[in-house]
Amino acid sequence: MAASERSRPSMFWPLAAIVVPILSAIAKITAIHDEKLPRQGAFVLAPNHYSEFDPLIVALAVFRTGRLPRFMAKESLFRVPVVGWVLKKTGMIPVARTSSTSAAKQTMAQSRELVETGRGVIVYPEGTLTRDPHLWPMRGKSGAVRLALSGDIPLIPVAHWGTQQIMGRYQKGLSLWPPRKPVRVLFGDPVDLSDLKGRAGEPGVLIEATDRLMAAITALLEELRGEQAPAERWNPAQHGQNETGRLEP
């Protein structure tokens, strides 16, 4: 049996002691097929995203497997007093807005570090809350697949449903009554990128890999919701929206 990351003393211990009981009182989280998350070694976990509360749900589902939930975070946050210290101590990964060349080098370095340390990271491929009016996954970005391809790291899709009952998209504050709202988290098989290995720099490869990932996440969400997603994935650019979800002037 793989050793649990949770058994190693870290900043996660005091954080978990505070957060886990509170979160468990708010949501009744059921993880389905969480054995598909590697119990050791590097991984990139890619969830759907429709609520600001999502990261806590995914983090607890991962934490319960014995792995530590680490996210990508804006580099600027690492310079904030106290916040930056906590992010560093918990192994979060800084992301800077750079040129395409610098971004490629940054991705290679991050992938190498994940492999060397045997850590996993959670990356939201949509980059922000979905703009789809019915909360289906929208068009993805290439960050998650870049990391996976650069280090030949397992890319695990995951979908969850029920978080919107706790905190809806763009909602201010939490809906705490009734307590322990049910949230289901469904882990999928690793996305097969074997035919794309070593080809990240070729035209269209990242688009193809991202399409496969978003299709896998959408299929998991269809299973959870018992519904079929729209045939065409929501594209903010085609609907006149910017990154904040607001209509472009």
C-alpha atoms as a PDB file:
ATOM      1  CA  MET A   1       0.000   0.000   0.000  1.00  0.00           C
ATOM      2  CA  ALA A   2       1.361   3.421  -0.920  1.00  0.00           C
ATOM      3  CA  ALA A   3       2.387   5.656   1.942  1.00  0.00           C
ATOM      4  CA  SER A   4      -0.069   8.463   2.583  1.00  0.00           C
ATOM      5  CA  GLU A   5       1.153  12.016   2.035  1.00  0.00           C
ATOM      6  CA  ARG A   6      -1.176  12.967   4.870  1.00  0.00           C
ATOM      7  CA  SER A   7       0.972  11.004   7.323  1.00  0.00           C
ATOM      8  CA  ARG A   8       3.892  13.379   6.804  1.00  0.00           C
ATOM      9  CA  PRO A   9       3.957  16.474   9.046  1.00  0.00           C
ATOM     10  CA  SER A  10       3.279  19.613   7.024  1.00  0.00           C
ATOM     11  CA  MET A  11       1.322  22.865   6.988  1.00  0.00           C
ATOM     12  CA  PHE A  12      -1.634  20.816   5.800  1.00  0.00           C
ATOM     13  CA  TRP A  13      -2.104  19.387   9.298  1.00  0.00           C
ATOM     14  CA  PRO A  14      -3.254  22.590  11.073  1.00  0.00           C
ATOM     15  CA  LEU A  15      -5.187  23.697   7.982  1.00  0.00           C
ATOM     16  CA  ALA A  16      -6.998  20.372   7.722  1.00  0.00           C
ATOM     17  CA  ALA A  17      -7.795  20.396  11.447  1.00  0.00           C
ATOM     18  CA  ILE A  18      -9.718  23.626  10.893  1.00  0.00           C
ATOM     19  CA  VAL A  19     -11.160  23.208   7.410  1.00  0.00           C
ATOM     20  CA  VAL A  20     -12.176  19.525   7.251  1.00  0.00           C
ATOM     21  CA  PRO A  21     -14.697  19.550  10.147  1.00  0.00           C
ATOM     22  CA  ILE A  22     -16.305  22.772   8.902  1.00  0.00           C
ATOM     23  CA  LEU A  23     -16.537  21.539   5.321  1.00  0.00           C
ATOM     24  CA  SER A  24     -17.882  18.164   6.427  1.00  0.00           C
ATOM     25  CA  ALA A  25     -20.674  19.969   8.292  1.00  0.00           C
ATOM     26  CA  ILE A  26     -21.609  21.940   5.160  1.00  0.00           C
ATOM     27  CA  ALA A  27     -21.380  19.245   2.488  1.00  0.00           C
ATOM     28  CA  LYS A  28     -21.866  15.485   2.409  1.00  0.00           C
ATOM     29  CA  ILE A  29     -19.215  14.570  -0.135  1.00  0.00           C
ATOM     30  CA  THR A  30     -19.376  11.199  -1.856  1.00  0.00           C
ATOM     31  CA  ALA A  31     -16.281  10.313  -3.883  1.00  0.00           C
ATOM     32  CA  ILE A  32     -16.852   7.774  -6.662  1.00  0.00           C
ATOM     33  CA  HIS A  33     -13.961   5.757  -8.131  1.00  0.00           C
ATOM     34  CA  ASP A  34     -11.380   7.774  -6.203  1.00  0.00           C
ATOM     35  CA  GLU A  35      -9.092   4.746  -6.557  1.00  0.00           C
ATOM     36  CA  LYS A  36      -8.358   6.114 -10.036  1.00  0.00           C
ATOM     37  CA  LEU A  37      -6.319   8.893  -8.451  1.00  0.00           C
ATOM     38  CA  PRO A  38      -2.716   7.590  -8.193  1.00  0.00           C
ATOM     39  CA  ARG A  39      -1.791   6.866  -4.577  1.00  0.00           C
ATOM     40  CA  GLN A  40       1.831   7.769  -5.253  1.00  0.00           C
ATOM     41  CA  GLY A  41       3.786   9.688  -7.861  1.00  0.00           C
ATOM     42  CA  ALA A  42       2.923  12.753  -9.873  1.00  0.00           C
ATOM     43  CA  PHE A  43      -0.507  13.476 -11.324  1.00  0.00           C
ATOM     44  CA  VAL A  44      -2.457  16.346 -12.876  1.00  0.00           C
ATOM     45  CA  LEU A  45      -6.091  16.415 -11.746  1.00  0.00           C
ATOM     46  CA  ALA A  46      -8.480  18.401 -13.953  1.00  0.00           C
ATOM     47  CA  PRO A  47     -11.960  19.227 -12.541  1.00  0.00           C
ATOM     48  CA  ASN A  48     -14.979  21.090 -13.864  1.00  0.00           C
ATOM     49  CA  HIS A  49     -15.552  24.558 -12.367  1.00  0.00           C
ATOM     50  CA  TYR A  50     -18.871  26.334 -11.798  1.00  0.00           C
ATOM     51  CA  SER A  51     -18.692  27.704  -8.232  1.00  0.00           C
ATOM     52  CA  GLU A  52     -16.147  29.597  -6.155  1.00  0.00           C
ATOM     53  CA  PHE A  53     -16.665  26.841  -3.558  1.00  0.00           C
ATOM     54  CA  ASP A  54     -15.429  24.122  -5.948  1.00  0.00           C
ATOM     55  CA  PRO A  55     -11.775  24.084  -4.822  1.00  0.00           C
ATOM     56  CA  LEU A  56     -12.709  23.164  -1.251  1.00  0.00           C
ATOM     57  CA  ILE A  57     -14.871  20.261  -2.448  1.00  0.00           C
ATOM     58  CA  VAL A  58     -12.159  18.897  -4.737  1.00  0.00           C
ATOM     59  CA  ALA A  59      -9.467  19.481  -2.121  1.00  0.00           C
ATOM     60  CA  LEU A  60     -11.323  17.425   0.507  1.00  0.00           C
ATOM     61  CA  ALA A  61     -12.052  14.601  -1.962  1.00  0.00           C
ATOM     62  CA  VAL A  62      -8.334  14.436  -2.801  1.00  0.00           C
ATOM     63  CA  PHE A  63      -7.279  14.748   0.840  1.00  0.00           C
ATOM     64  CA  ARG A  64      -9.420  11.752   1.785  1.00  0.00           C
ATOM     65  CA  THR A  65      -7.466   9.562  -0.658  1.00  0.00           C
ATOM     66  CA  GLY A  66      -4.274  10.249   1.266  1.00  0.00           C
ATOM     67  CA  ARG A  67      -2.908  12.684  -1.301  1.00  0.00           C
ATOM     68  CA  LEU A  68      -2.388  16.386  -0.575  1.00  0.00           C
ATOM     69  CA  PRO A  69      -4.403  18.873  -2.660  1.00  0.00           C
ATOM     70  CA  ARG A  70      -2.121  21.377  -4.345  1.00  0.00           C
ATOM     71  CA  PHE A  71      -3.341  23.996  -6.805  1.00  0.00           C
ATOM     72  CA  MET A  72      -1.898  26.386  -9.321  1.00  0.00           C
ATOM     73  CA  ALA A  73      -1.942  29.943  -7.914  1.00  0.00           C
ATOM     74  CA  LYS A  74      -1.155  33.353  -9.366  1.00  0.00           C
ATOM     75  CA  GLU A  75       2.467  34.274  -8.765  1.00  0.00           C
ATOM     76  CA  SER A  76       1.414  37.635  -7.297  1.00  0.00           C
ATOM     77  CA  LEU A  77      -0.268  35.831  -4.383  1.00  0.00           C
ATOM     78  CA  PHE A  78       3.071  34.404  -3.322  1.00  0.00           C
ATOM     79  CA  ARG A  79       4.255  37.947  -2.567  1.00  0.00           C
ATOM     80  CA  VAL A  80       1.375  38.667  -0.181  1.00  0.00           C
ATOM     81  CA  PRO A  81       2.479  38.543   3.493  1.00  0.00           C
ATOM     82  CA  VAL A  82       1.282  35.425   5.344  1.00  0.00           C
ATOM     83  CA  VAL A  83      -0.708  34.201   2.304  1.00  0.00           C
ATOM     84  CA  GLY A  84       2.467  33.738   0.287  1.00  0.00           C
ATOM     85  CA  TRP A  85       4.146  31.910   3.168  1.00  0.00           C
ATOM     86  CA  VAL A  86       1.225  29.482   3.494  1.00  0.00           C
ATOM     87  CA  LEU A  87       1.141  28.875  -0.269  1.00  0.00           C
ATOM     88  CA  LYS A  88       4.840  28.052  -0.306  1.00  0.00           C
ATOM     89  CA  LYS A  89       4.651  25.806   2.768  1.00  0.00           C
ATOM     90  CA  THR A  90       1.764  23.827   1.293  1.00  0.00           C
ATOM     91  CA  GLY A  91       3.524  23.317  -2.039  1.00  0.00           C
ATOM     92  CA  MET A  92       1.184  25.358  -4.240  1.00  0.00           C
ATOM     93  CA  ILE A  93       2.557  26.087  -7.706  1.00  0.00           C
ATOM     94  CA  PRO A  94       3.039  29.707  -8.830  1.00  0.00           C
ATOM     95  CA  VAL A  95       1.912  30.709 -12.297  1.00  0.00           C
ATOM     96  CA  ALA A  96       3.163  33.881 -13.964  1.00  0.00           C
ATOM     97  CA  ARG A  97       1.814  35.592 -17.061  1.00  0.00           C
ATOM     98  CA  THR A  98       4.702  35.329 -19.458  1.00  0.00           C
ATOM     99  CA  SER A  99       5.488  35.069 -23.143  1.00  0.00           C
ATOM    100  CA  SER A 100       4.817  31.783 -24.920  1.00  0.00           C
ATOM    101  CA  THR A 101       8.530  30.901 -24.816  1.00  0.00           C
ATOM    102  CA  SER A 102       8.809  31.655 -21.093  1.00  0.00           C
ATOM    103  CA  ALA A 103       5.552  29.800 -20.445  1.00  0.00           C
ATOM    104  CA  ALA A 104       6.930  26.692 -22.143  1.00  0.00           C
ATOM    105  CA  LYS A 105      10.072  26.813 -19.993  1.00  0.00           C
ATOM    106  CA  GLN A 106       7.980  27.363 -16.879  1.00  0.00           C
ATOM    107  CA  THR A 107       5.794  24.368 -17.719  1.00  0.00           C
ATOM    108  CA  MET A 108       8.823  22.135 -18.260  1.00  0.00           C
ATOM    109  CA  ALA A 109      10.278  23.182 -14.897  1.00  0.00           C
ATOM    110  CA  GLN A 110       6.971  22.620 -13.102  1.00  0.00           C
ATOM    111  CA  SER A 111       6.491  19.197 -14.699  1.00  0.00           C
ATOM    112  CA  ARG A 112      10.009  18.170 -13.765  1.00  0.00           C
ATOM    113  CA  GLU A 113       9.438  19.264 -10.157  1.00  0.00           C
ATOM    114  CA  LEU A 114       6.165  17.311  -9.946  1.00  0.00           C
ATOM    115  CA  VAL A 115       7.878  14.156 -11.191  1.00  0.00           C
ATOM    116  CA  GLU A 116      10.912  14.590  -8.937  1.00  0.00           C
ATOM    117  CA  THR A 117       8.849  15.231  -5.803  1.00  0.00           C
ATOM    118  CA  GLY A 118       6.081  12.753  -6.672  1.00  0.00           C
ATOM    119  CA  ARG A 119       3.448  15.403  -6.068  1.00  0.00           C
ATOM    120  CA  GLY A 120       0.114  16.033  -7.719  1.00  0.00           C
ATOM    121  CA  VAL A 121      -1.470  19.298  -8.765  1.00  0.00           C
ATOM    122  CA  ILE A 122      -5.077  20.346  -9.411  1.00  0.00           C
ATOM    123  CA  VAL A 123      -5.532  22.468 -12.528  1.00  0.00           C
ATOM    124  CA  TYR A 124      -8.845  23.914 -13.719  1.00  0.00           C
ATOM    125  CA  PRO A 125      -8.637  23.550 -17.510  1.00  0.00           C
ATOM    126  CA  GLU A 126     -11.353  26.158 -18.086  1.00  0.00           C
ATOM    127  CA  GLY A 127      -9.244  28.702 -16.225  1.00  0.00           C
ATOM    128  CA  THR A 128     -12.318  30.300 -14.619  1.00  0.00           C
ATOM    129  CA  LEU A 129     -15.951  29.556 -13.788  1.00  0.00           C
ATOM    130  CA  THR A 130     -17.806  28.106 -16.751  1.00  0.00           C
ATOM    131  CA  ARG A 131     -19.896  30.606 -18.697  1.00  0.00           C
ATOM    132  CA  ASP A 132     -22.249  27.917 -19.955  1.00  0.00           C
ATOM    133  CA  PRO A 133     -25.735  28.957 -18.773  1.00  0.00           C
ATOM    134  CA  HIS A 134     -26.493  25.397 -17.633  1.00  0.00           C
ATOM    135  CA  LEU A 135     -23.127  24.894 -15.885  1.00  0.00           C
ATOM    136  CA  TRP A 136     -21.663  22.424 -18.389  1.00  0.00           C
ATOM    137  CA  PRO A 137     -17.889  22.593 -18.980  1.00  0.00           C
ATOM    138  CA  MET A 138     -16.974  25.218 -21.543  1.00  0.00           C
ATOM    139  CA  ARG A 139     -14.002  25.414 -23.894  1.00  0.00           C
ATOM    140  CA  GLY A 140     -10.782  24.485 -22.105  1.00  0.00           C
ATOM    141  CA  LYS A 141      -7.321  25.998 -22.054  1.00  0.00           C
ATOM    142  CA  SER A 142      -4.085  24.093 -22.495  1.00  0.00           C
ATOM    143  CA  GLY A 143      -2.446  24.498 -19.057  1.00  0.00           C
ATOM    144  CA  ALA A 144      -3.360  21.073 -17.694  1.00  0.00           C
ATOM    145  CA  VAL A 145      -2.411  19.145 -20.829  1.00  0.00           C
ATOM    146  CA  ARG A 146       0.857  21.091 -21.163  1.00  0.00           C
ATOM    147  CA  LEU A 147       1.891  19.941 -17.703  1.00  0.00           C
ATOM    148  CA  ALA A 148       0.862  16.359 -18.372  1.00  0.00           C
ATOM    149  CA  LEU A 149       2.558  16.126 -21.758  1.00  0.00           C
ATOM    150  CA  SER A 150       5.751  17.868 -20.620  1.00  0.00           C
ATOM    151  CA  GLY A 151       6.381  15.379 -17.830  1.00  0.00           C
ATOM    152  CA  ASP A 152       4.500  12.331 -19.155  1.00  0.00           C
ATOM    153  CA  ILE A 153       2.284  12.684 -16.075  1.00  0.00           C
ATOM    154  CA  PRO A 154      -1.127  10.973 -15.684  1.00  0.00           C
ATOM    155  CA  LEU A 155      -3.920  13.427 -16.539  1.00  0.00           C
ATOM    156  CA  ILE A 156      -6.966  12.543 -14.433  1.00  0.00           C
ATOM    157  CA  PRO A 157     -10.373  14.064 -15.272  1.00  0.00           C
ATOM    158  CA  VAL A 158     -12.836  14.582 -12.431  1.00  0.00           C
ATOM    159  CA  ALA A 159     -16.337  16.034 -12.248  1.00  0.00           C
ATOM    160  CA  HIS A 160     -18.499  17.024  -9.314  1.00  0.00           C
ATOM    161  CA  TRP A 161     -22.116  18.085  -8.954  1.00  0.00           C
ATOM    162  CA  GLY A 162     -24.042  19.599  -6.054  1.00  0.00           C
ATOM    163  CA  THR A 163     -21.748  22.461  -5.091  1.00  0.00           C
ATOM    164  CA  GLN A 164     -24.179  24.932  -6.664  1.00  0.00           C
ATOM    165  CA  GLN A 165     -26.576  24.211  -3.793  1.00  0.00           C
ATOM    166  CA  ILE A 166     -23.963  25.570  -1.383  1.00  0.00           C
ATOM    167  CA  MET A 167     -22.715  28.489  -3.440  1.00  0.00           C
ATOM    168  CA  GLY A 168     -24.096  29.256  -6.863  1.00  0.00           C
ATOM    169  CA  ARG A 169     -22.077  30.790  -9.660  1.00  0.00           C
ATOM    170  CA  TYR A 170     -21.370  34.459  -8.796  1.00  0.00           C
ATOM    171  CA  GLN A 171     -23.361  34.058  -5.567  1.00  0.00           C
ATOM    172  CA  LYS A 172     -22.339  36.177  -2.584  1.00  0.00           C
ATOM    173  CA  GLY A 173     -22.155  34.053   0.535  1.00  0.00           C
ATOM    174  CA  LEU A 174     -23.076  30.437   1.287  1.00  0.00           C
ATOM    175  CA  SER A 175     -26.418  28.670   1.524  1.00  0.00           C
ATOM    176  CA  LEU A 176     -25.998  26.788   4.800  1.00  0.00           C
ATOM    177  CA  TRP A 177     -29.523  25.463   5.296  1.00  0.00           C
ATOM    178  CA  PRO A 178     -30.292  22.656   5.158  1.00  0.00           C
ATOM    179  CA  PRO A 179     -26.838  21.490   6.301  1.00  0.00           C
ATOM    180  CA  ARG A 180     -24.749  18.756   4.704  1.00  0.00           C
ATOM    181  CA  LYS A 181     -25.922  19.226   1.136  1.00  0.00           C
ATOM    182  CA  PRO A 182     -24.992  16.203  -1.018  1.00  0.00           C
ATOM    183  CA  VAL A 183     -22.098  16.645  -3.444  1.00  0.00           C
ATOM    184  CA  ARG A 184     -20.841  13.793  -5.614  1.00  0.00           C
ATOM    185  CA  VAL A 185     -17.320  13.695  -7.019  1.00  0.00           C
ATOM    186  CA  LEU A 186     -16.599  11.263  -9.861  1.00  0.00           C
ATOM    187  CA  PHE A 187     -13.010  10.421 -10.839  1.00  0.00           C
ATOM    188  CA  GLY A 188     -12.274   9.165 -14.345  1.00  0.00           C
ATOM    189  CA  ASP A 189      -9.609   7.102 -16.052  1.00  0.00           C
ATOM    190  CA  PRO A 190      -6.452   8.934 -17.170  1.00  0.00           C
ATOM    191  CA  VAL A 191      -6.888  10.676 -20.507  1.00  0.00           C
ATOM    192  CA  ASP A 192      -4.966   8.783 -23.169  1.00  0.00           C
ATOM    193  CA  LEU A 193      -2.328  11.148 -24.582  1.00  0.00           C
ATOM    194  CA  SER A 194       0.161   8.438 -25.562  1.00  0.00           C
ATOM    195  CA  ASP A 195      -0.005   9.286 -29.266  1.00  0.00           C
ATOM    196  CA  LEU A 196       0.728  12.947 -28.490  1.00  0.00           C
ATOM    197  CA  LYS A 197       3.758  12.355 -26.255  1.00  0.00           C
ATOM    198  CA  GLY A 198       6.723  14.520 -27.294  1.00  0.00           C
ATOM    199  CA  ARG A 199       4.583  16.450 -29.798  1.00  0.00           C
ATOM    200  CA  ALA A 200       3.391  19.366 -27.653  1.00  0.00           C
ATOM    201  CA  GLY A 201       5.117  21.849 -29.954  1.00  0.00           C
ATOM    202  CA  GLU A 202       3.332  20.659 -33.095  1.00  0.00           C
ATOM    203  CA  PRO A 203       0.379  22.669 -34.450  1.00  0.00           C
ATOM    204  CA  GLY A 204      -2.970  21.469 -33.160  1.00  0.00           C
ATOM    205  CA  VAL A 205      -1.611  18.960 -30.646  1.00  0.00           C
ATOM    206  CA  LEU A 206      -2.492  20.984 -27.549  1.00  0.00           C
ATOM    207  CA  ILE A 207      -5.957  21.685 -28.956  1.00  0.00           C
ATOM    208  CA  GLU A 208      -6.518  17.974 -29.572  1.00  0.00           C
ATOM    209  CA  ALA A 209      -5.282  17.044 -26.091  1.00  0.00           C
ATOM    210  CA  THR A 210      -7.452  19.719 -24.472  1.00  0.00           C
ATOM    211  CA  ASP A 211     -10.506  18.561 -26.438  1.00  0.00           C
ATOM    212  CA  ARG A 212      -9.965  15.012 -25.183  1.00  0.00           C
ATOM    213  CA  LEU A 213      -9.699  16.248 -21.605  1.00  0.00           C
ATOM    214  CA  MET A 214     -12.832  18.415 -21.776  1.00  0.00           C
ATOM    215  CA  ALA A 215     -14.767  15.563 -23.418  1.00  0.00           C
ATOM    216  CA  ALA A 216     -13.745  13.247 -20.573  1.00  0.00           C
ATOM    217  CA  ILE A 217     -14.781  15.756 -17.891  1.00  0.00           C
ATOM    218  CA  THR A 218     -18.096  16.390 -19.670  1.00  0.00           C
ATOM    219  CA  ALA A 219     -18.832  12.644 -19.912  1.00  0.00           C
ATOM    220  CA  LEU A 220     -18.269  12.284 -16.159  1.00  0.00           C
ATOM    221  CA  LEU A 221     -20.594  15.201 -15.451  1.00  0.00           C
ATOM    222  CA  GLU A 222     -23.234  13.720 -17.755  1.00  0.00           C
ATOM    223  CA  GLU A 223     -23.086  10.557 -15.664  1.00  0.00           C
ATOM    224  CA  LEU A 224     -23.478  12.483 -12.424  1.00  0.00           C
ATOM    225  CA  ARG A 225     -26.335  14.638 -13.702  1.00  0.00           C
ATOM    226  CA  GLY A 226     -28.091  11.938 -15.706  1.00  0.00           C
ATOM    227  CA  GLU A 227     -28.332  14.389 -18.590  1.00  0.00           C
ATOM    228  CA  GLN A 228     -26.678  14.909 -21.941  1.00  0.00           C
ATOM    229  CA  ALA A 229     -24.486  17.954 -22.435  1.00  0.00           C
ATOM    230  CA  PRO A 230     -24.987  20.251 -25.449  1.00  0.00           C
ATOM    231  CA  ALA A 231     -23.379  18.956 -28.632  1.00  0.00           C
ATOM    232  CA  GLU A 232     -21.281  22.115 -28.907  1.00  0.00           C
ATOM    233  CA  ARG A 233     -19.165  23.281 -25.989  1.00  0.00           C
ATOM    234  CA  TRP A 234     -19.711  26.872 -24.834  1.00  0.00           C
ATOM    235  CA  ASN A 235     -17.103  29.272 -26.203  1.00  0.00           C
ATOM    236  CA  PRO A 236     -17.015  32.705 -24.482  1.00  0.00           C
ATOM    237  CA  ALA A 237     -15.346  34.306 -27.502  1.00  0.00           C
ATOM    238  CA  GLN A 238     -18.229  33.293 -29.752  1.00  0.00           C
ATOM    239  CA  HIS A 239     -20.759  34.652 -27.270  1.00  0.00           C
ATOM    240  CA  GLY A 240     -19.106  38.046 -26.891  1.00  0.00           C
ATOM    241  CA  GLN A 241     -17.821  37.470 -23.348  1.00  0.00           C
ATOM    242  CA  ASN A 242     -14.467  38.333 -21.824  1.00  0.00           C
ATOM    243  CA  GLU A 243     -12.638  36.367 -19.129  1.00  0.00           C
ATOM    244  CA  THR A 244     -14.891  37.774 -16.372  1.00  0.00           C
ATOM    245  CA  GLY A 245     -18.011  36.546 -18.091  1.00  0.00           C
ATOM    246  CA  ARG A 246     -19.164  40.085 -18.909  1.00  0.00           C
ATOM    247  CA  LEU A 247     -20.301  41.025 -22.377  1.00  0.00           C
ATOM    248  CA  GLU A 248     -17.677  42.763 -24.446  1.00  0.00           C
ATOM    249  CA  PRO A 249     -18.541  46.386 -25.365  1.00  0.00           C
END
